[in-house]
Amino acid sequence: MIESIKLRNAFLAAQRKKGQAPSGPVPRLINC
């Protein structure tokens, strides 16, 4: 559970840096 939260934060941080919201497998991973 905690690890998934860390991964979620990492993905959000990467998206903020890129300034884009990639669609496809990425949002699915965040959903999981």
PDB file of N, CA and C in Angstrom:
ATOM      1  N   MET A   1       0.841  -1.205   0.000  1.00  0.00           N
ATOM      2  CA  MET A   1       0.000   0.000   0.000  1.00  0.00           C
ATOM      3  C   MET A   1       0.875   1.254   0.000  1.00  0.00           C
ATOM      4  N   ILE A   2       1.803   1.318   0.956  1.00  0.00           N
ATOM      5  CA  ILE A   2       2.672   2.496   1.054  1.00  0.00           C
ATOM      6  C   ILE A   2       3.506   2.649  -0.219  1.00  0.00           C
ATOM      7  N   GLU A   3       4.011   1.526  -0.739  1.00  0.00           N
ATOM      8  CA  GLU A   3       4.850   1.598  -1.948  1.00  0.00           C
ATOM      9  C   GLU A   3       4.040   2.150  -3.117  1.00  0.00           C
ATOM     10  N   SER A   4       2.783   1.734  -3.225  1.00  0.00           N
ATOM     11  CA  SER A   4       1.947   2.217  -4.330  1.00  0.00           C
ATOM     12  C   SER A   4       1.765   3.728  -4.227  1.00  0.00           C
ATOM     13  N   ILE A   5       1.629   4.228  -2.999  1.00  0.00           N
ATOM     14  CA  ILE A   5       1.484   5.679  -2.803  1.00  0.00           C
ATOM     15  C   ILE A   5       2.749   6.399  -3.260  1.00  0.00           C
ATOM     16  N   LYS A   6       3.906   5.840  -2.932  1.00  0.00           N
ATOM     17  CA  LYS A   6       5.175   6.455  -3.348  1.00  0.00           C
ATOM     18  C   LYS A   6       5.262   6.482  -4.868  1.00  0.00           C
ATOM     19  N   LEU A   7       4.864   5.368  -5.511  1.00  0.00           N
ATOM     20  CA  LEU A   7       4.895   5.318  -6.973  1.00  0.00           C
ATOM     21  C   LEU A   7       3.953   6.371  -7.544  1.00  0.00           C
ATOM     22  N   ARG A   8       2.797   6.510  -6.918  1.00  0.00           N
ATOM     23  CA  ARG A   8       1.816   7.491  -7.392  1.00  0.00           C
ATOM     24  C   ARG A   8       2.418   8.894  -7.327  1.00  0.00           C
ATOM     25  N   ASN A   9       3.055   9.213  -6.210  1.00  0.00           N
ATOM     26  CA  ASN A   9       3.680  10.536  -6.043  1.00  0.00           C
ATOM     27  C   ASN A   9       4.777  10.734  -7.085  1.00  0.00           C
ATOM     28  N   ALA A  10       5.541   9.681  -7.358  1.00  0.00           N
ATOM     29  CA  ALA A  10       6.629   9.775  -8.334  1.00  0.00           C
ATOM     30  C   ALA A  10       6.062  10.083  -9.719  1.00  0.00           C
ATOM     31  N   PHE A  11       4.977   9.395 -10.090  1.00  0.00           N
ATOM     32  CA  PHE A  11       4.366   9.636 -11.398  1.00  0.00           C
ATOM     33  C   PHE A  11       3.837  11.065 -11.486  1.00  0.00           C
ATOM     34  N   LEU A  12       3.179  11.519 -10.428  1.00  0.00           N
ATOM     35  CA  LEU A  12       2.631  12.882 -10.425  1.00  0.00           C
ATOM     36  C   LEU A  12       3.761  13.899 -10.546  1.00  0.00           C
ATOM     37  N   ALA A  13       4.855  13.675  -9.842  1.00  0.00           N
ATOM     38  CA  ALA A  13       5.990  14.601  -9.899  1.00  0.00           C
ATOM     39  C   ALA A  13       6.557  14.643 -11.317  1.00  0.00           C
ATOM     40  N   ALA A  14       6.678  13.476 -11.949  1.00  0.00           N
ATOM     41  CA  ALA A  14       7.221  13.416 -13.306  1.00  0.00           C
ATOM     42  C   ALA A  14       6.297  14.158 -14.270  1.00  0.00           C
ATOM     43  N   GLN A  15       4.991  13.980 -14.099  1.00  0.00           N
ATOM     44  CA  GLN A  15       4.033  14.656 -14.971  1.00  0.00           C
ATOM     45  C   GLN A  15       4.130  16.164 -14.783  1.00  0.00           C
ATOM     46  N   ARG A  16       4.293  16.608 -13.541  1.00  0.00           N
ATOM     47  CA  ARG A  16       4.395  18.050 -13.284  1.00  0.00           C
ATOM     48  C   ARG A  16       5.646  18.612 -13.942  1.00  0.00           C
ATOM     49  N   LYS A  17       6.752  17.872 -13.868  1.00  0.00           N
ATOM     50  CA  LYS A  17       8.006  18.346 -14.472  1.00  0.00           C
ATOM     51  C   LYS A  17       7.849  18.440 -15.983  1.00  0.00           C
ATOM     52  N   LYS A  18       7.212  17.439 -16.588  1.00  0.00           N
ATOM     53  CA  LYS A  18       7.026  17.439 -18.036  1.00  0.00           C
ATOM     54  C   LYS A  18       5.947  18.435 -18.434  1.00  0.00           C
ATOM     55  N   GLY A  19       5.027  18.705 -17.511  1.00  0.00           N
ATOM     56  CA  GLY A  19       3.946  19.629 -17.816  1.00  0.00           C
ATOM     57  C   GLY A  19       2.924  18.990 -18.740  1.00  0.00           C
ATOM     58  N   GLN A  20       2.919  17.644 -18.781  1.00  0.00           N
ATOM     59  CA  GLN A  20       1.975  16.940 -19.647  1.00  0.00           C
ATOM     60  C   GLN A  20       1.343  15.785 -18.880  1.00  0.00           C
ATOM     61  N   ALA A  21       0.142  15.392 -19.322  1.00  0.00           N
ATOM     62  CA  ALA A  21      -0.531  14.249 -18.704  1.00  0.00           C
ATOM     63  C   ALA A  21      -0.605  13.114 -19.725  1.00  0.00           C
ATOM     64  N   PRO A  22       0.379  12.234 -19.742  1.00  0.00           N
ATOM     65  CA  PRO A  22       0.419  11.134 -20.716  1.00  0.00           C
ATOM     66  C   PRO A  22      -0.777  10.212 -20.563  1.00  0.00           C
ATOM     67  N   SER A  23      -1.343   9.771 -21.690  1.00  0.00           N
ATOM     68  CA  SER A  23      -2.491   8.868 -21.641  1.00  0.00           C
ATOM     69  C   SER A  23      -2.071   7.480 -22.106  1.00  0.00           C
ATOM     70  N   GLY A  24      -2.745   6.453 -21.626  1.00  0.00           N
ATOM     71  CA  GLY A  24      -2.406   5.075 -21.994  1.00  0.00           C
ATOM     72  C   GLY A  24      -2.159   4.236 -20.757  1.00  0.00           C
ATOM     73  N   PRO A  25      -1.037   3.528 -20.693  1.00  0.00           N
ATOM     74  CA  PRO A  25      -0.754   2.638 -19.558  1.00  0.00           C
ATOM     75  C   PRO A  25      -0.418   3.396 -18.276  1.00  0.00           C
ATOM     76  N   VAL A  26       0.034   4.636 -18.407  1.00  0.00           N
ATOM     77  CA  VAL A  26       0.445   5.390 -17.213  1.00  0.00           C
ATOM     78  C   VAL A  26      -0.731   5.665 -16.278  1.00  0.00           C
ATOM     79  N   PRO A  27      -1.837   6.251 -16.778  1.00  0.00           N
ATOM     80  CA  PRO A  27      -2.979   6.515 -15.895  1.00  0.00           C
ATOM     81  C   PRO A  27      -3.551   5.233 -15.305  1.00  0.00           C
ATOM     82  N   ARG A  28      -3.433   4.125 -16.054  1.00  0.00           N
ATOM     83  CA  ARG A  28      -3.927   2.844 -15.544  1.00  0.00           C
ATOM     84  C   ARG A  28      -3.119   2.444 -14.320  1.00  0.00           C
ATOM     85  N   LEU A  29      -1.793   2.629 -14.385  1.00  0.00           N
ATOM     86  CA  LEU A  29      -0.941   2.282 -13.239  1.00  0.00           C
ATOM     87  C   LEU A  29      -1.314   3.143 -12.042  1.00  0.00           C
ATOM     88  N   ILE A  30      -1.593   4.427 -12.291  1.00  0.00           N
ATOM     89  CA  ILE A  30      -1.952   5.330 -11.194  1.00  0.00           C
ATOM     90  C   ILE A  30      -3.277   4.884 -10.585  1.00  0.00           C
ATOM     91  N   ASN A  31      -4.192   4.424 -11.447  1.00  0.00           N
ATOM     92  CA  ASN A  31      -5.483   3.952 -10.954  1.00  0.00           C
ATOM     93  C   ASN A  31      -5.299   2.744 -10.045  1.00  0.00           C
ATOM     94  N   CYS A  32      -4.425   1.842 -10.456  1.00  0.00           N
ATOM     95  CA  CYS A  32      -4.187   0.643  -9.643  1.00  0.00           C
ATOM     96  C   CYS A  32      -3.544   1.044  -8.324  1.00  0.00           C
TER      97      CYS A  32
END
